[in-house]
C-alpha atoms as a PDB file:
ATOM      1  CA  MET A   1     135.822 102.272 142.089  1.00  0.00           C
ATOM      2  CA  ALA A   2     137.662 101.275 138.897  1.00  0.00           C
ATOM      3  CA  GLN A   3     140.556 103.534 139.954  1.00  0.00           C
ATOM      4  CA  LEU A   4     140.744 101.716 143.327  1.00  0.00           C
ATOM      5  CA  VAL A   5     140.951  98.376 141.477  1.00  0.00           C
ATOM      6  CA  TRP A   6     143.754  99.780 139.326  1.00  0.00           C
ATOM      7  CA  VAL A   7     145.695 101.016 142.370  1.00  0.00           C
ATOM      8  CA  ASP A   8     145.201  97.693 144.206  1.00  0.00           C
ATOM      9  CA  SER A   9     146.549  95.831 141.169  1.00  0.00           C
ATOM     10  CA  GLY A  10     149.825  97.758 141.397  1.00  0.00           C
ATOM     11  CA  ALA A  11     148.901  99.993 138.425  1.00  0.00           C
ATOM     12  CA  GLY A  12     151.975  99.805 136.183  1.00  0.00           C
ATOM     13  CA  ARG A  13     153.677  97.270 138.463  1.00  0.00           C
ATOM     14  CA  PRO A  14     151.411  94.188 138.461  1.00  0.00           C
ATOM     15  CA  ARG A  15     150.797  92.361 141.724  1.00  0.00           C
ATOM     16  CA  ALA A  16     148.129  90.055 143.111  1.00  0.00           C
ATOM     17  CA  LEU A  17     144.925  91.722 144.232  1.00  0.00           C
ATOM     18  CA  PRO A  18     144.887  91.865 148.045  1.00  0.00           C
ATOM     19  CA  ALA A  19     141.810  90.673 149.950  1.00  0.00           C
ATOM     20  CA  ASP A  20     142.041  93.783 152.135  1.00  0.00           C
ATOM     21  CA  GLY A  21     142.703  96.243 149.291  1.00  0.00           C
ATOM     22  CA  MET A  22     141.181  99.683 149.003  1.00  0.00           C
ATOM     23  CA  PHE A  23     138.560  98.520 146.492  1.00  0.00           C
ATOM     24  CA  CYS A  24     137.344  95.656 148.700  1.00  0.00           C
ATOM     25  CA  ARG A  25     137.212  97.846 151.815  1.00  0.00           C
ATOM     26  CA  ARG A  26     135.358 100.617 149.967  1.00  0.00           C
ATOM     27  CA  LEU A  27     132.913  98.133 148.441  1.00  0.00           C
ATOM     28  CA  GLY A  28     132.080  96.768 151.903  1.00  0.00           C
ATOM     29  CA  GLU A  29     131.655 100.309 153.278  1.00  0.00           C
ATOM     30  CA  ARG A  30     129.394 101.431 150.427  1.00  0.00           C
ATOM     31  CA  LEU A  31     127.140  98.409 150.835  1.00  0.00           C
ATOM     32  CA  GLY A  32     127.193  98.481 154.639  1.00  0.00           C
ATOM     33  CA  ARG A  33     128.614  94.939 154.729  1.00  0.00           C
ATOM     34  CA  GLY A  34     132.227  94.966 155.886  1.00  0.00           C
ATOM     35  CA  TRP A  35     132.589  91.210 155.300  1.00  0.00           C
ATOM     36  CA  LEU A  36     131.661  91.467 151.622  1.00  0.00           C
ATOM     37  CA  GLY A  37     134.954  92.910 150.340  1.00  0.00           C
ATOM     38  CA  PRO A  38     137.243  90.099 151.557  1.00  0.00           C
ATOM     39  CA  LEU A  39     134.661  87.505 150.468  1.00  0.00           C
ATOM     40  CA  ALA A  40     134.448  88.975 146.955  1.00  0.00           C
ATOM     41  CA  ALA A  41     138.249  89.121 146.656  1.00  0.00           C
ATOM     42  CA  THR A  42     138.570  85.403 147.347  1.00  0.00           C
ATOM     43  CA  ASP A  43     135.682  84.348 145.067  1.00  0.00           C
ATOM     44  CA  HIS A  44     138.035  83.661 142.147  1.00  0.00           C
ATOM     45  CA  GLY A  45     135.301  82.415 139.842  1.00  0.00           C
ATOM     46  CA  GLY A  46     132.855  85.212 140.633  1.00  0.00           C
ATOM     47  CA  PRO A  47     131.598  88.007 138.390  1.00  0.00           C
ATOM     48  CA  LEU A  48     133.088  90.770 140.553  1.00  0.00           C
ATOM     49  CA  LEU A  49     136.630  89.443 140.167  1.00  0.00           C
ATOM     50  CA  ALA A  50     136.002  89.011 136.425  1.00  0.00           C
ATOM     51  CA  TRP A  51     134.973  92.694 136.285  1.00  0.00           C
ATOM     52  CA  MET A  52     138.089  93.699 138.227  1.00  0.00           C
ATOM     53  CA  GLY A  53     140.275  91.696 135.829  1.00  0.00           C
ATOM     54  CA  SER A  54     138.662  93.368 132.812  1.00  0.00           C
ATOM     55  CA  VAL A  55     139.224  96.833 134.306  1.00  0.00           C
ATOM     56  CA  ILE A  56     142.894  96.025 134.892  1.00  0.00           C
ATOM     57  CA  ARG A  57     143.404  94.546 131.396  1.00  0.00           C
ATOM     58  CA  LEU A  58     141.737  97.540 129.739  1.00  0.00           C
ATOM     59  CA  ARG A  59     143.888 100.011 131.703  1.00  0.00           C
ATOM     60  CA  ARG A  60     147.046  98.085 130.836  1.00  0.00           C
ATOM     61  CA  GLY A  61     145.982  97.897 127.209  1.00  0.00           C
ATOM     62  CA  ALA A  62     146.342  94.128 127.337  1.00  0.00           C
ATOM     63  CA  GLY A  63     143.877  91.672 125.908  1.00  0.00           C
ATOM     64  CA  GLY A  64     142.787  88.470 127.558  1.00  0.00           C
ATOM     65  CA  PRO A  65     143.299  84.953 126.218  1.00  0.00           C
ATOM     66  CA  PRO A  66     141.899  84.241 122.696  1.00  0.00           C
ATOM     67  CA  GLY A  67     138.113  84.377 122.736  1.00  0.00           C
ATOM     68  CA  TYR A  68     138.059  86.180 126.095  1.00  0.00           C
ATOM     69  CA  ASP A  69     135.800  89.223 126.240  1.00  0.00           C
ATOM     70  CA  ASN A  70     137.359  92.306 127.848  1.00  0.00           C
ATOM     71  CA  ASP A  71     134.039  94.123 128.242  1.00  0.00           C
ATOM     72  CA  PRO A  72     133.842  94.746 132.038  1.00  0.00           C
ATOM     73  CA  TRP A  73     130.073  94.224 131.978  1.00  0.00           C
ATOM     74  CA  TRP A  74     130.206  90.904 130.117  1.00  0.00           C
ATOM     75  CA  LEU A  75     128.996  87.997 132.292  1.00  0.00           C
ATOM     76  CA  ARG A  76     129.930  84.360 131.906  1.00  0.00           C
ATOM     77  CA  GLN A  77     126.947  82.130 131.335  1.00  0.00           C
ATOM     78  CA  GLU A  78     127.136  80.631 134.840  1.00  0.00           C
ATOM     79  CA  HIS A  79     126.749  84.131 136.330  1.00  0.00           C
ATOM     80  CA  GLN A  80     123.732  85.037 134.218  1.00  0.00           C
ATOM     81  CA  ALA A  81     120.228  84.717 135.594  1.00  0.00           C
ATOM     82  CA  ALA A  82     118.891  81.194 135.203  1.00  0.00           C
ATOM     83  CA  THR A  83     116.175  80.630 132.628  1.00  0.00           C
ATOM     84  CA  MET A  84     112.871  79.112 133.671  1.00  0.00           C
ATOM     85  CA  ALA A  85     113.815  75.925 131.766  1.00  0.00           C
ATOM     86  CA  GLY A  86     117.103  75.733 133.684  1.00  0.00           C
ATOM     87  CA  GLN A  87     115.337  76.173 137.010  1.00  0.00           C
ATOM     88  CA  LEU A  88     112.833  73.455 136.126  1.00  0.00           C
ATOM     89  CA  ARG A  89     115.709  71.094 135.227  1.00  0.00           C
ATOM     90  CA  VAL A  90     117.262  71.748 138.656  1.00  0.00           C
ATOM     91  CA  LEU A  91     113.933  71.059 140.372  1.00  0.00           C
ATOM     92  CA  GLY A  92     113.581  67.836 138.363  1.00  0.00           C
ATOM     93  CA  LYS A  93     117.034  66.693 139.462  1.00  0.00           C
ATOM     94  CA  GLU A  94     116.190  67.545 143.080  1.00  0.00           C
ATOM     95  CA  LYS A  95     113.109  65.323 142.880  1.00  0.00           C
ATOM     96  CA  LYS A  96     115.290  62.406 141.765  1.00  0.00           C
ATOM     97  CA  ALA A  97     118.092  63.129 144.256  1.00  0.00           C
ATOM     98  CA  PRO A  98     117.153  64.086 147.816  1.00  0.00           C
ATOM     99  CA  GLY A  99     117.873  67.587 149.037  1.00  0.00           C
ATOM    100  CA  SER A 100     116.354  70.901 149.922  1.00  0.00           C
ATOM    101  CA  GLY A 101     115.241  71.935 146.431  1.00  0.00           C
ATOM    102  CA  THR A 102     117.112  75.238 146.817  1.00  0.00           C
ATOM    103  CA  MET A 103     120.482  76.327 145.529  1.00  0.00           C
ATOM    104  CA  TRP A 104     123.390  76.670 148.002  1.00  0.00           C
ATOM    105  CA  ARG A 105     123.985  80.377 147.324  1.00  0.00           C
ATOM    106  CA  ALA A 106     120.292  81.161 147.766  1.00  0.00           C
ATOM    107  CA  ALA A 107     119.915  79.209 151.017  1.00  0.00           C
ATOM    108  CA  VAL A 108     123.250  79.895 152.747  1.00  0.00           C
ATOM    109  CA  SER A 109     124.243  83.440 153.625  1.00  0.00           C
ATOM    110  CA  ALA A 110     127.426  84.868 152.135  1.00  0.00           C
ATOM    111  CA  GLU A 111     128.885  85.294 155.622  1.00  0.00           C
ATOM    112  CA  GLN A 112     128.227  81.618 156.465  1.00  0.00           C
ATOM    113  CA  ARG A 113     129.776  80.526 153.139  1.00  0.00           C
ATOM    114  CA  ARG A 114     132.830  82.672 153.926  1.00  0.00           C
ATOM    115  CA  LEU A 115     133.177  81.052 157.373  1.00  0.00           C
ATOM    116  CA  ILE A 116     132.974  77.551 155.876  1.00  0.00           C
ATOM    117  CA  THR A 117     135.514  78.430 153.178  1.00  0.00           C
ATOM    118  CA  SER A 118     137.817  79.959 155.771  1.00  0.00           C
ATOM    119  CA  ALA A 119     137.603  76.851 157.970  1.00  0.00           C
ATOM    120  CA  VAL A 120     138.417  74.551 155.031  1.00  0.00           C
ATOM    121  CA  ASP A 121     141.301  76.814 153.941  1.00  0.00           C
ATOM    122  CA  SER A 122     142.715  76.701 157.498  1.00  0.00           C
ATOM    123  CA  VAL A 123     142.632  72.897 157.462  1.00  0.00           C
ATOM    124  CA  GLU A 124     144.385  72.821 154.093  1.00  0.00           C
ATOM    125  CA  GLU A 125     147.083  75.193 155.352  1.00  0.00           C
ATOM    126  CA  GLN A 126     147.634  73.136 158.518  1.00  0.00           C
ATOM    127  CA  LEU A 127     147.944  69.897 156.559  1.00  0.00           C
ATOM    128  CA  LEU A 128     150.434  71.466 154.147  1.00  0.00           C
ATOM    129  CA  GLN A 129     152.561  72.590 157.104  1.00  0.00           C
ATOM    130  CA  LEU A 130     152.690  69.000 158.376  1.00  0.00           C
ATOM    131  CA  HIS A 131     154.558  67.955 155.223  1.00  0.00           C
ATOM    132  CA  GLY A 132     157.774  69.564 156.440  1.00  0.00           C
ATOM    133  CA  VAL A 133     157.922  68.110 159.953  1.00  0.00           C
ATOM    134  CA  GLN A 134     159.043  64.589 159.090  1.00  0.00           C
ATOM    135  CA  SER A 135     162.678  64.795 160.096  1.00  0.00           C
ATOM    136  CA  GLY A 136     164.371  64.467 163.474  1.00  0.00           C
ATOM    137  CA  PRO A 137     164.048  62.059 166.413  1.00  0.00           C
ATOM    138  CA  THR A 138     161.051  59.737 166.193  1.00  0.00           C
ATOM    139  CA  ALA A 139     159.403  60.999 169.380  1.00  0.00           C
ATOM    140  CA  GLU A 140     159.722  64.664 168.339  1.00  0.00           C
ATOM    141  CA  VAL A 141     158.391  64.059 164.820  1.00  0.00           C
ATOM    142  CA  ALA A 142     155.499  61.978 166.181  1.00  0.00           C
ATOM    143  CA  ARG A 143     154.680  64.673 168.767  1.00  0.00           C
ATOM    144  CA  ARG A 144     154.631  67.446 166.125  1.00  0.00           C
ATOM    145  CA  LEU A 145     152.611  65.349 163.662  1.00  0.00           C
ATOM    146  CA  LEU A 146     150.045  64.299 166.278  1.00  0.00           C
ATOM    147  CA  ARG A 147     149.642  67.845 167.578  1.00  0.00           C
ATOM    148  CA  GLY A 148     149.262  69.156 164.029  1.00  0.00           C
ATOM    149  CA  LEU A 149     146.811  66.417 163.073  1.00  0.00           C
ATOM    150  CA  GLY A 150     144.843  66.992 166.275  1.00  0.00           C
ATOM    151  CA  HIS A 151     144.597  70.696 165.481  1.00  0.00           C
ATOM    152  CA  SER A 152     143.607  69.908 161.862  1.00  0.00           C
ATOM    153  CA  ALA A 153     140.955  67.446 163.073  1.00  0.00           C
ATOM    154  CA  GLY A 154     139.446  70.205 165.209  1.00  0.00           C
ATOM    155  CA  LEU A 155     139.360  72.552 162.224  1.00  0.00           C
ATOM    156  CA  ILE A 156     137.758  69.862 160.034  1.00  0.00           C
ATOM    157  CA  GLU A 157     135.136  69.195 162.709  1.00  0.00           C
ATOM    158  CA  ASN A 158     134.345  72.916 162.829  1.00  0.00           C
ATOM    159  CA  ALA A 159     134.020  73.018 159.024  1.00  0.00           C
ATOM    160  CA  TRP A 160     131.686  70.016 158.772  1.00  0.00           C
ATOM    161  CA  LYS A 161     129.509  71.298 161.633  1.00  0.00           C
ATOM    162  CA  ARG A 162     129.156  74.687 159.936  1.00  0.00           C
ATOM    163  CA  THR A 163     128.320  72.964 156.649  1.00  0.00           C
ATOM    164  CA  ALA A 164     125.767  70.689 158.337  1.00  0.00           C
ATOM    165  CA  VAL A 165     124.098  73.700 160.023  1.00  0.00           C
ATOM    166  CA  ALA A 166     124.015  75.527 156.675  1.00  0.00           C
ATOM    167  CA  ALA A 167     122.470  72.485 154.965  1.00  0.00           C
ATOM    168  CA  VAL A 168     119.778  72.079 157.637  1.00  0.00           C
ATOM    169  CA  ASN A 169     119.066  75.832 157.634  1.00  0.00           C
ATOM    170  CA  GLY A 170     118.847  75.625 153.831  1.00  0.00           C
ATOM    171  CA  GLY A 171     116.038  73.082 154.073  1.00  0.00           C
ATOM    172  CA  VAL A 172     117.826  69.736 153.776  1.00  0.00           C
ATOM    173  CA  PRO A 173     116.104  67.271 156.132  1.00  0.00           C
ATOM    174  CA  LEU A 174     118.138  66.463 159.252  1.00  0.00           C
ATOM    175  CA  GLU A 175     117.827  62.742 158.456  1.00  0.00           C
ATOM    176  CA  GLU A 176     119.578  63.291 155.083  1.00  0.00           C
ATOM    177  CA  VAL A 177     122.440  65.247 156.653  1.00  0.00           C
ATOM    178  CA  ALA A 178     122.825  62.616 159.388  1.00  0.00           C
ATOM    179  CA  ARG A 179     123.108  59.894 156.738  1.00  0.00           C
ATOM    180  CA  TRP A 180     125.716  61.921 154.818  1.00  0.00           C
ATOM    181  CA  VAL A 181     127.917  62.323 157.908  1.00  0.00           C
ATOM    182  CA  ASP A 182     127.245  58.707 159.001  1.00  0.00           C
ATOM    183  CA  MET A 183     125.802  59.672 162.373  1.00  0.00           C
ATOM    184  CA  PRO A 184     122.559  58.942 164.260  1.00  0.00           C
ATOM    185  CA  VAL A 185     119.973  61.715 163.844  1.00  0.00           C
ATOM    186  CA  GLU A 186     119.737  62.305 167.603  1.00  0.00           C
ATOM    187  CA  ALA A 187     123.509  62.712 167.968  1.00  0.00           C
ATOM    188  CA  LEU A 188     123.713  65.139 165.029  1.00  0.00           C
ATOM    189  CA  SER A 189     120.738  67.117 166.338  1.00  0.00           C
ATOM    190  CA  GLN A 190     122.429  67.468 169.735  1.00  0.00           C
ATOM    191  CA  ILE A 191     125.739  68.556 168.134  1.00  0.00           C
ATOM    192  CA  LEU A 192     124.022  71.137 165.934  1.00  0.00           C
ATOM    193  CA  THR A 193     121.944  72.467 168.845  1.00  0.00           C
ATOM    194  CA  THR A 194     125.071  72.816 170.976  1.00  0.00           C
ATOM    195  CA  GLY A 195     126.888  74.498 168.072  1.00  0.00           C
ATOM    196  CA  ARG A 196     124.109  77.051 167.609  1.00  0.00           C
ATOM    197  CA  GLN A 197     124.129  77.870 171.340  1.00  0.00           C
ATOM    198  CA  ASP A 198     127.930  78.341 171.224  1.00  0.00           C
ATOM    199  CA  GLY A 199     127.506  80.706 168.252  1.00  0.00           C
ATOM    200  CA  SER A 200     129.318  78.522 165.707  1.00  0.00           C
END
């Protein structure tokens, strides 16, 4: 697996790690979860990408920034298992602030998180593309901007619906989610029910 990471990195000719590289595909195959590879490749703060970076640095004979550990099995503190004291602090905070009492990664499946991230990334990409369409006749510019904004609004709506479903499925009361999106509970319930039936 380390050799696949090395090949994906361009070996002696450095390049960005591709989301559909040999390592990511093989990882998904070995675990029987085809979606896992691309998800792991885009989780830039995750332990798997940190391991991949260490493998590449060690093979290149290059060290990381000062104070950075090149041991591939070294885990940042945020990736280490939470202590009982840490978990109790989180529960205490949850009692003061409303919510489900569970952590996002524990309550929301990796596939659902990937779909939400993908939807948000699509919106960001669409909005960036709108930056360059502000020249030409007024009617043409307005048409392109309104079409682009309409498309972006649809993508944003998809993203917030997926996030709302994930929050409710994770145990956050529907009333809380409705307040967060500034919508009557009945209307949100109907939207989420329709979304589940449509498979979104």
